[in-house]
Protein backbone atom coordinates (compact mmCIF):
# COMPACT_ATOMS: atom_id res chain seq x y z
CA MET A 1 213.80 132.50 91.09
CA THR A 2 217.10 134.29 90.64
CA LEU A 3 217.07 137.14 88.62
CA TRP A 4 218.53 135.52 85.66
CA HIS A 5 217.21 131.89 86.24
CA GLY A 6 215.82 131.57 82.70
CA ARG A 7 219.67 131.65 81.24
CA PHE A 8 219.74 128.38 83.28
CA SER A 9 218.86 124.93 83.02
CA GLY A 10 219.85 123.93 87.20
CA GLN A 11 219.52 125.70 90.58
CA MET A 12 221.89 126.62 91.85
CA ASP A 13 224.48 124.73 94.49
CA GLN A 14 223.52 125.17 98.07
CA ALA A 15 227.13 125.99 98.86
CA MET A 16 227.42 128.78 96.00
CA ALA A 17 224.34 130.32 97.43
CA ASP A 18 225.79 130.98 100.84
CA TYR A 19 229.03 131.35 99.64
CA THR A 20 227.28 134.60 96.94
CA VAL A 21 224.58 135.92 99.76
CA SER A 22 225.35 139.28 100.29
CA LEU A 23 221.24 140.18 102.35
CA PRO A 24 223.22 139.48 105.62
CA PHE A 25 225.53 142.93 105.53
CA ASP A 26 224.07 145.13 102.55
CA ARG A 27 220.53 144.91 103.67
CA ALA A 28 222.24 148.31 105.67
CA LEU A 29 221.20 149.59 101.93
CA ALA A 30 217.57 149.27 101.76
CA ALA A 31 216.64 152.90 102.21
CA GLU A 32 218.92 153.30 99.37
CA ASP A 33 217.60 151.59 97.15
CA LEU A 34 214.15 152.27 97.28
CA LEU A 35 214.66 155.90 97.19
CA GLY A 36 216.60 154.94 93.85
CA SER A 37 214.01 152.51 93.00
CA ALA A 38 211.67 155.28 92.95
CA ALA A 39 213.32 157.43 90.91
CA HIS A 40 214.59 155.00 88.73
CA VAL A 41 210.55 153.91 88.38
CA GLN A 42 209.67 157.86 87.83
CA GLY A 43 212.59 158.33 85.11
CA LEU A 44 210.87 155.22 83.28
CA VAL A 45 207.43 157.31 83.10
CA HIS A 46 209.47 160.58 82.04
CA VAL A 47 210.65 158.59 78.72
CA GLY A 48 207.79 156.70 78.16
CA LEU A 49 209.20 153.27 79.37
CA LEU A 50 205.90 153.15 81.57
CA THR A 51 202.78 154.57 81.85
CA PRO A 52 201.63 156.83 84.50
CA ASP A 53 199.55 153.87 86.20
CA GLU A 54 202.18 151.39 86.17
CA GLY A 55 204.19 153.64 87.53
CA ALA A 56 201.75 154.41 90.46
CA SER A 57 201.89 151.22 91.24
CA LEU A 58 205.32 150.67 91.44
CA LEU A 59 206.02 153.62 93.36
CA GLU A 60 203.05 152.64 95.81
CA ALA A 61 204.58 149.69 96.13
CA LEU A 62 207.89 150.06 97.01
CA GLU A 63 206.66 152.58 99.76
CA THR A 64 204.45 149.89 101.03
CA VAL A 65 207.74 147.38 101.24
CA GLY A 66 209.84 150.62 102.65
CA GLN A 67 206.86 150.86 105.27
CA GLU A 68 207.42 146.81 106.43
CA MET A 69 210.83 147.65 106.00
CA ALA A 70 210.72 150.48 108.94
CA SER A 71 208.43 148.01 111.37
CA ASP A 72 210.39 145.02 110.32
CA SER A 73 207.68 143.46 109.32
CA PHE A 74 208.50 143.11 106.26
CA LEU A 75 209.86 139.03 105.12
CA PHE A 76 212.46 137.99 103.27
CA ASP A 77 212.12 135.08 101.53
CA PRO A 78 215.81 132.29 101.35
CA SER A 79 215.50 133.26 97.28
CA ASP A 80 216.65 136.84 98.10
CA GLU A 81 219.93 136.69 97.66
CA ASP A 82 220.50 140.74 98.38
CA ILE A 83 218.41 143.20 99.55
CA HIS A 84 217.97 144.40 96.35
CA THR A 85 216.00 141.06 94.72
CA ALA A 86 214.42 141.33 98.61
CA VAL A 87 212.82 144.73 96.72
CA GLU A 88 212.29 143.07 93.31
CA ARG A 89 210.27 140.45 94.68
CA ARG A 90 208.56 141.90 97.24
CA VAL A 91 207.11 145.10 94.44
CA THR A 92 206.27 141.72 92.15
CA GLU A 93 204.79 140.48 94.58
CA ILE A 94 203.15 144.06 96.14
CA ALA A 95 201.91 145.03 91.85
CA GLY A 96 201.26 141.78 90.08
CA PRO A 97 203.10 141.94 86.85
CA THR A 98 203.67 145.31 86.36
CA GLY A 99 206.23 144.58 89.08
CA ALA A 100 208.77 142.71 86.68
CA LYS A 101 209.53 146.20 84.61
CA LEU A 102 210.65 147.91 87.83
CA HIS A 103 213.73 146.79 86.04
CA THR A 104 213.63 147.68 82.92
CA GLY A 105 216.69 150.22 81.46
CA ARG A 106 218.99 148.50 84.84
CA SER A 107 221.58 146.19 86.02
CA ARG A 108 222.64 144.97 89.37
CA ASN A 109 226.01 147.01 88.58
CA ASP A 110 224.66 150.64 88.46
CA GLN A 111 221.92 149.47 90.05
CA VAL A 112 224.12 148.93 93.41
CA ALA A 113 226.45 151.54 92.97
CA THR A 114 224.08 154.19 92.70
CA ASP A 115 223.02 152.99 96.27
CA LEU A 116 226.35 153.03 97.32
CA ARG A 117 227.17 156.35 96.60
CA LEU A 118 224.01 156.94 98.08
CA TRP A 119 224.70 155.18 101.37
CA THR A 120 227.88 156.61 101.26
CA LYS A 121 226.83 160.38 100.70
CA ARG A 122 224.30 160.39 103.85
CA GLU A 123 227.01 158.30 106.07
CA LEU A 124 230.03 160.55 105.29
CA THR A 125 227.65 163.51 105.94
CA GLU A 126 226.13 162.39 109.89
CA LEU A 127 229.99 161.40 110.54
CA GLN A 128 231.16 165.39 109.46
CA ALA A 129 228.59 165.67 112.09
CA ASP A 130 229.97 163.54 114.55
CA LEU A 131 233.69 165.26 114.02
CA LEU A 132 232.59 169.13 114.33
CA GLU A 133 231.45 168.24 117.54
CA LEU A 134 234.00 167.24 119.12
CA CYS A 135 235.84 169.71 117.24
CA ARG A 136 233.66 171.98 119.50
CA VAL A 137 234.26 169.77 122.50
CA LEU A 138 237.75 170.82 122.20
CA GLU A 139 237.06 174.26 121.70
CA ARG A 140 235.23 174.70 124.73
CA SER A 141 237.92 172.58 126.55
CA ALA A 142 240.71 174.94 125.02
CA LEU A 143 238.66 177.89 126.60
CA ASP A 144 238.34 176.14 130.28
CA ALA A 145 242.15 175.73 129.98
CA GLY A 146 243.11 179.33 129.96
CA MET A 147 246.23 179.74 131.00
CA THR A 148 247.12 176.28 132.16
CA TYR A 149 250.07 175.35 130.58
CA LEU A 150 252.02 171.55 130.62
CA PRO A 151 255.01 170.03 129.60
CA GLY A 152 255.59 169.92 124.99
CA TYR A 153 257.13 166.65 123.90
CA THR A 154 259.43 165.30 121.47
CA HIS A 155 260.61 161.74 121.97
CA VAL A 156 257.71 161.26 124.49
CA GLN A 157 260.04 163.64 126.92
CA ARG A 158 260.06 167.15 127.52
CA ALA A 159 260.36 170.02 125.54
CA GLN A 160 259.27 172.93 126.11
CA PRO A 161 256.25 174.05 127.98
CA VAL A 162 253.17 175.12 125.93
CA LEU A 163 249.61 176.24 126.90
CA LEU A 164 246.95 173.27 127.95
CA ALA A 165 245.05 175.23 124.99
CA HIS A 166 247.30 174.93 122.11
CA HIS A 167 247.29 171.30 122.65
CA PHE A 168 243.95 170.61 122.88
CA LEU A 169 243.89 173.25 119.66
CA ALA A 170 246.71 170.51 117.93
CA HIS A 171 243.69 167.60 118.40
CA GLY A 172 241.44 170.03 116.80
CA TRP A 173 243.40 171.44 113.97
CA ALA A 174 243.68 167.58 113.16
CA LEU A 175 239.59 166.33 112.88
CA LEU A 176 239.21 169.97 110.81
CA ARG A 177 241.33 168.52 107.84
CA ASP A 178 239.08 164.88 108.61
CA VAL A 179 236.70 167.21 108.40
CA ASP A 180 237.54 168.20 104.28
CA ARG A 181 239.27 164.91 103.71
CA LEU A 182 234.68 164.05 104.16
CA ARG A 183 233.84 166.82 102.23
CA GLU A 184 236.01 166.79 99.24
CA CYS A 185 235.02 162.87 99.33
CA ARG A 186 231.63 163.44 99.06
CA GLU A 187 232.09 166.07 96.11
CA ARG A 188 233.65 163.76 94.24
CA LEU A 189 231.14 160.09 94.91
CA ASP A 190 228.76 162.48 93.51
CA VAL A 191 227.79 160.97 90.65
CA SER A 192 224.79 159.07 89.72
CA PRO A 193 225.40 155.40 87.96
CA LEU A 194 222.20 155.19 87.02
CA GLY A 195 221.81 154.32 83.58
CA ALA A 196 225.23 153.05 82.76
CA GLY A 197 224.06 149.55 83.16
CA ALA A 198 225.28 145.92 83.14
CA LEU A 199 228.50 148.32 82.00
CA ALA A 200 227.74 149.78 78.03
CA GLY A 201 224.54 151.95 79.01
CA SER A 202 221.20 150.50 76.86
CA SER A 203 219.42 151.04 73.80
CA LEU A 204 216.35 152.31 75.74
CA PRO A 205 215.52 156.17 75.78
CA LEU A 206 216.77 156.35 78.94
CA ASP A 207 217.98 160.25 80.80
CA PRO A 208 220.26 159.43 83.46
CA ASP A 209 220.24 163.03 83.92
CA PHE A 210 216.86 163.12 84.95
CA VAL A 211 217.24 160.57 87.27
CA ALA A 212 221.25 161.95 88.70
CA ALA A 213 218.54 165.35 89.92
CA ARG A 214 215.96 163.30 91.02
CA LEU A 215 218.48 161.47 93.78
CA GLY A 216 220.25 164.75 94.53
CA PHE A 217 223.25 164.14 93.05
CA ALA A 218 225.61 166.98 91.32
CA ARG A 219 225.88 165.18 88.13
CA ARG A 220 225.66 161.38 86.01
CA PHE A 221 228.02 160.05 85.28
CA GLU A 222 230.43 160.22 81.95
CA ASN A 223 231.33 156.83 81.37
CA SER A 224 229.20 153.67 82.00
CA LEU A 225 232.24 151.02 82.13
CA ASP A 226 234.28 153.49 84.49
CA VAL A 227 231.03 153.93 86.83
CA VAL A 228 230.26 150.56 87.18
CA ALA A 229 233.32 149.40 87.93
CA ASP A 230 234.45 152.66 89.92
CA ARG A 231 235.29 151.96 93.61
CA ASP A 232 237.69 154.94 94.33
CA PHE A 233 234.83 156.58 96.55
CA VAL A 234 234.85 153.59 98.91
CA ALA A 235 239.05 153.59 98.92
CA GLU A 236 239.34 157.43 99.50
CA ALA A 237 235.77 157.12 102.18
CA LEU A 238 238.08 154.46 104.27
CA PHE A 239 241.23 156.42 104.09
CA ASP A 240 239.67 159.46 105.46
CA LEU A 241 238.06 157.12 107.88
CA ALA A 242 241.15 155.29 109.08
CA MET A 243 242.72 158.61 109.54
CA ILE A 244 240.38 159.71 111.77
CA GLY A 245 241.06 156.57 113.63
CA ILE A 246 244.23 157.52 113.08
CA HIS A 247 244.18 160.96 115.43
CA LEU A 248 241.49 159.44 117.63
CA SER A 249 244.02 156.52 118.54
CA ARG A 250 247.01 159.81 119.15
CA MET A 251 244.69 161.41 121.04
CA GLY A 252 243.48 158.23 123.19
CA GLU A 253 247.16 157.02 123.92
CA GLU A 254 247.04 160.12 125.65
CA LEU A 255 244.73 160.18 127.40
CA VAL A 256 246.07 156.22 128.44
CA LEU A 257 249.40 158.30 129.30
CA TRP A 258 247.53 161.71 131.10
CA SER A 259 245.52 159.77 133.36
CA SER A 260 247.75 157.20 134.98
CA GLU A 261 249.77 158.20 138.25
CA GLU A 262 253.15 158.18 136.37
CA PHE A 263 251.83 161.03 134.64
CA GLY A 264 248.89 162.19 136.90
CA PHE A 265 247.47 164.83 134.36
CA CYS A 266 244.35 164.20 135.10
CA THR A 267 241.02 161.47 135.44
CA LEU A 268 238.85 160.25 133.53
CA ASP A 269 235.14 160.59 133.70
CA ASP A 270 233.40 157.30 135.18
CA GLY A 271 231.35 157.42 132.88
CA PHE A 272 233.75 156.35 130.33
CA SER A 273 236.24 154.60 132.29
CA SER A 274 236.27 150.76 133.48
CA GLY A 275 237.26 148.32 136.17
CA SER A 276 239.11 145.40 136.74
CA SER A 277 236.98 142.01 137.30
CA MET A 278 240.04 141.46 139.30
CA LEU A 279 242.06 144.05 140.64
CA PRO A 280 239.56 146.26 142.46
CA GLN A 281 242.00 149.22 142.88
CA LYS A 282 241.91 149.85 138.86
CA LYS A 283 240.35 152.44 136.83
CA ASN A 284 240.93 151.36 133.29
CA ALA A 285 240.82 154.07 130.23
CA ASP A 286 238.93 151.58 127.95
CA ALA A 287 237.12 154.42 125.91
CA ALA A 288 241.50 155.78 124.63
CA GLU A 289 242.12 151.89 124.36
CA LEU A 290 239.76 151.02 121.97
CA ALA A 291 240.14 154.70 120.08
CA ARG A 292 243.42 153.13 119.92
CA GLY A 293 242.84 149.77 119.27
CA LYS A 294 240.37 149.98 116.92
CA THR A 295 242.70 151.87 114.57
CA GLY A 296 244.17 149.04 113.69
CA ARG A 297 241.14 147.31 111.82
CA LEU A 298 240.29 150.60 110.15
CA ILE A 299 244.28 150.48 108.53
CA GLY A 300 243.08 146.53 108.20
CA ASN A 301 239.73 147.48 105.71
CA LEU A 302 241.39 150.16 103.84
CA THR A 303 244.41 147.54 102.93
CA GLY A 304 241.73 144.66 102.43
CA LEU A 305 239.58 146.59 99.93
CA LEU A 306 242.68 147.97 97.86
CA VAL A 307 243.92 144.66 97.25
CA THR A 308 241.03 143.48 96.28
CA LEU A 309 240.51 146.31 93.57
CA LYS A 310 243.69 146.67 92.70
CA GLY A 311 244.07 143.19 90.05
CA LEU A 312 240.53 144.09 88.62
CA PRO A 313 239.95 144.34 85.10
CA LEU A 314 236.80 147.04 83.53
CA SER A 315 234.28 146.70 83.75
CA TYR A 316 232.61 144.64 86.99
CA ASN A 317 233.38 141.92 88.81
CA ARG A 318 231.96 140.45 91.94
CA ASP A 319 235.15 140.89 93.71
CA LEU A 320 233.64 144.39 93.78
CA GLN A 321 231.22 142.89 96.99
CA GLU A 322 233.56 143.17 98.89
CA ASP A 323 233.74 147.02 98.97
CA LYS A 324 230.55 146.95 101.57
CA GLU A 325 231.58 145.39 104.93
CA PRO A 326 234.41 147.09 105.06
CA LEU A 327 233.19 149.94 104.99
CA PHE A 328 229.77 149.40 106.70
CA ASP A 329 232.28 148.89 109.60
CA SER A 330 234.51 151.43 109.36
CA VAL A 331 231.73 153.74 109.27
CA ARG A 332 230.23 152.15 112.62
CA GLN A 333 233.18 151.64 114.34
CA VAL A 334 234.54 155.78 113.71
CA ARG A 335 230.78 156.94 114.31
CA LEU A 336 231.51 155.31 118.12
CA GLY A 337 235.20 156.28 118.27
CA LEU A 338 234.14 159.88 117.74
CA ARG A 339 231.27 160.23 120.39
CA ALA A 340 232.97 157.96 122.90
CA MET A 341 236.15 160.60 122.77
CA ALA A 342 233.53 163.42 122.69
CA GLY A 343 232.20 162.54 125.71
CA ALA A 344 234.95 160.87 127.74
CA TYR A 345 237.08 164.76 127.19
CA ALA A 346 234.13 167.03 127.47
CA THR A 347 233.84 164.87 131.07
CA LEU A 348 237.70 164.68 131.47
CA ALA A 349 238.94 166.06 134.69
CA ILE A 350 242.61 168.40 134.22
CA HIS A 351 245.22 168.52 137.10
CA PRO A 352 246.77 171.80 136.62
CA GLU A 353 249.03 171.49 139.31
CA THR A 354 250.31 168.02 138.32
CA MET A 355 250.54 169.21 134.55
CA GLN A 356 252.10 172.27 135.72
CA ARG A 357 255.19 171.25 138.28
CA ALA A 358 256.04 168.90 135.34
CA ALA A 359 256.73 171.98 133.23
CA ASP A 360 257.97 173.90 135.28
CA GLY A 361 262.14 173.83 136.60
CA GLY A 362 264.93 171.88 135.02
CA SER A 363 265.74 172.30 131.75
CA ILE A 364 262.94 172.42 130.09
CA ALA A 365 263.56 176.36 129.22
CA ALA A 366 266.94 176.02 128.14
CA ILE A 367 266.14 176.65 124.59
CA ASP A 368 264.91 180.26 126.68
CA LEU A 369 268.44 180.79 127.35
CA ALA A 370 269.63 180.50 124.03
CA GLU A 371 267.47 182.98 122.29
CA TYR A 372 268.76 185.17 125.25
CA LEU A 373 272.29 185.10 123.65
CA VAL A 374 271.00 184.95 120.08
CA LEU A 375 269.21 188.44 121.29
CA GLN A 376 272.90 189.60 122.77
CA GLN A 377 274.00 188.74 118.92
CA VAL A 378 275.47 185.00 119.48
CA PRO A 379 275.54 182.84 116.50
CA PHE A 380 272.78 180.29 117.37
CA ARG A 381 275.21 177.43 117.12
CA GLU A 382 277.51 179.02 119.82
CA ALA A 383 274.91 180.26 121.85
CA HIS A 384 273.18 176.36 121.61
CA ALA A 385 276.66 174.55 123.02
CA ILE A 386 276.35 177.70 125.58
CA VAL A 387 273.38 176.52 127.20
CA ALA A 388 274.16 172.92 126.33
CA SER A 389 277.54 172.94 128.52
CA LEU A 390 275.19 174.44 131.87
CA VAL A 391 272.60 171.34 131.12
CA ARG A 392 275.46 169.02 131.76
CA LYS A 393 277.14 170.23 134.16
CA SER A 394 273.61 171.06 136.55
CA ILE A 395 272.88 167.28 135.53
CA ASP A 396 276.67 165.75 136.73
CA GLU A 397 276.93 168.22 139.24
CA GLY A 398 273.73 168.25 141.48
CA SER A 399 273.75 172.47 140.85
CA ALA A 400 270.34 174.38 139.89
CA LEU A 401 270.59 175.39 136.76
CA ASP A 402 268.90 178.52 137.60
CA GLU A 403 272.76 178.97 139.55
CA LEU A 404 275.39 178.06 137.41
CA VAL A 405 273.41 181.11 135.23
CA ALA A 406 273.32 183.71 136.82
CA ALA A 407 276.94 183.28 137.19
CA HIS A 408 277.52 182.82 134.14
CA PRO A 409 278.95 186.28 132.35
CA LEU A 410 277.08 186.08 128.77
CA LEU A 411 273.88 184.71 130.97
CA GLY A 412 273.85 186.55 135.06
CA VAL A 413 270.67 187.50 136.36
CA GLU A 414 268.74 188.37 133.85
CA ALA A 415 268.69 185.55 131.89
CA ALA A 416 267.98 182.33 135.18
CA ALA A 417 264.58 184.83 135.31
CA LEU A 418 264.08 183.28 132.41
CA LEU A 419 263.59 180.00 134.24
CA ALA A 420 261.46 180.55 136.70
CA PRO A 421 257.53 178.50 136.87
CA GLY A 422 255.24 180.20 134.20
CA VAL A 423 258.06 182.55 132.57
CA ALA A 424 259.30 179.83 129.18
CA VAL A 425 255.07 178.90 127.88
CA THR A 426 254.19 183.36 128.03
CA ARG A 427 257.26 184.33 125.96
CA ARG A 428 256.01 181.58 122.73
CA THR A 429 254.50 185.19 120.79
CA THR A 430 255.18 184.07 117.25
CA PRO A 431 251.71 183.10 114.83
CA GLY A 432 250.30 179.88 115.44
CA GLY A 433 252.69 179.35 119.04
CA ALA A 434 252.03 178.13 122.67
CA GLY A 435 252.20 181.22 124.08
CA PRO A 436 248.79 183.37 125.44
CA ILE A 437 248.69 186.32 122.82
CA PRO A 438 249.13 183.08 119.35
CA VAL A 439 246.97 180.98 120.98
CA ALA A 440 244.21 183.18 122.07
CA ILE A 441 244.08 184.54 118.39
CA GLN A 442 243.94 180.89 117.06
CA LEU A 443 240.81 180.30 119.35
CA ASP A 444 238.84 182.83 117.09
CA ARG A 445 240.52 181.76 114.01
CA PHE A 446 239.10 177.61 115.16
CA LYS A 447 236.31 179.04 116.20
CA ALA A 448 235.37 180.84 112.50
CA ALA A 449 236.96 177.21 111.03
CA ILE A 450 233.79 175.26 112.80
CA MET A 451 231.98 177.72 111.31
CA ASN A 452 232.79 177.68 108.98
CA ALA A 453 232.44 173.68 108.34
CA GLU A 454 228.75 174.29 109.09
CA ASN A 455 227.93 176.08 106.59
């Protein structure tokens, strides 16, 4: 029996039922639906639309349903279109005629919006904890890295030496921005829709502020049309999740490169790698590759919802049923990705000698030569041209760059010493830079930022 059977004389066609059913995926909202229903019952008692005894009966029935679901003994009926229908049906079976009063003053429109906001609040809070754990892993990795340095890259070409700690912290700051976005998203979605009804509120003496407080929302809705139609918070959450995925993808791509024989900068732990079904020698960075690969899925979930939302008139439309699957999927994939990458980085074996060898020699410290000339009052563009010509000559003639620098009248032996292994990275002294002094300060600030985000 549907929730609207009184309006229709015929039964829903099975093809239509199959097409509209949402129970297979919105069962994830069961805990939130029970929580929202309990608060709604308390609100009805509060305004006198239910007697205390009726309220107690319904609350007891809701608690029984919760126990059945927790123990997997809840029996779904073929007529259960969604989790909301299933809960109301079972409550009515338990509470008898009083169960028919559960939906007083409520529509599935404000009910679903409430459930989804509650679910999203909870899940984003848990994801924030996973993000902060990965930040702590990067903090520990930065501490363990000490004075290890490697090439920093632009255009996937060696650019300047940077401390490995600086590199790890670069990922950490990006993830902390993700933490901020999740927190801000939670603050914006922290609005209770209950009391909005189908779209226009109710003639019954409901108290939406009371129910909002019972559910732990910061406030209740201001406009009933808006709140039942609003899925901004889902789109915003999906963007935040896609952005996390992009950051994980960048980290994953790096691990794929670094762990290859061509780079040899690190070795992934066996627990976060896989082998080949054919090639006995292979050790593949599958966790990192999946972090990279699943990001397309996260972006697709976001763009799919945006396309769904862009043509909808106020207020509720059944199209909004399509908000849940992408959100549920993105939350799950990001959670798995964060935990896998935290494990991969926590167990990563770094090869400092290989990293540092790649960052030593050649022309990677060329900017230090140009800046040396700047300190001698040579205009930067002229200094750039001088050093660039020496680099070109070194490549064309196969000459050692340090020898050419030592022989140059404006540079000499003092400047050539800047090309010695490990020197260039120590010269990055500006705030936020990649040298030992600013990185030590940055590490303290990063620790403080994590602690602040946890509070």
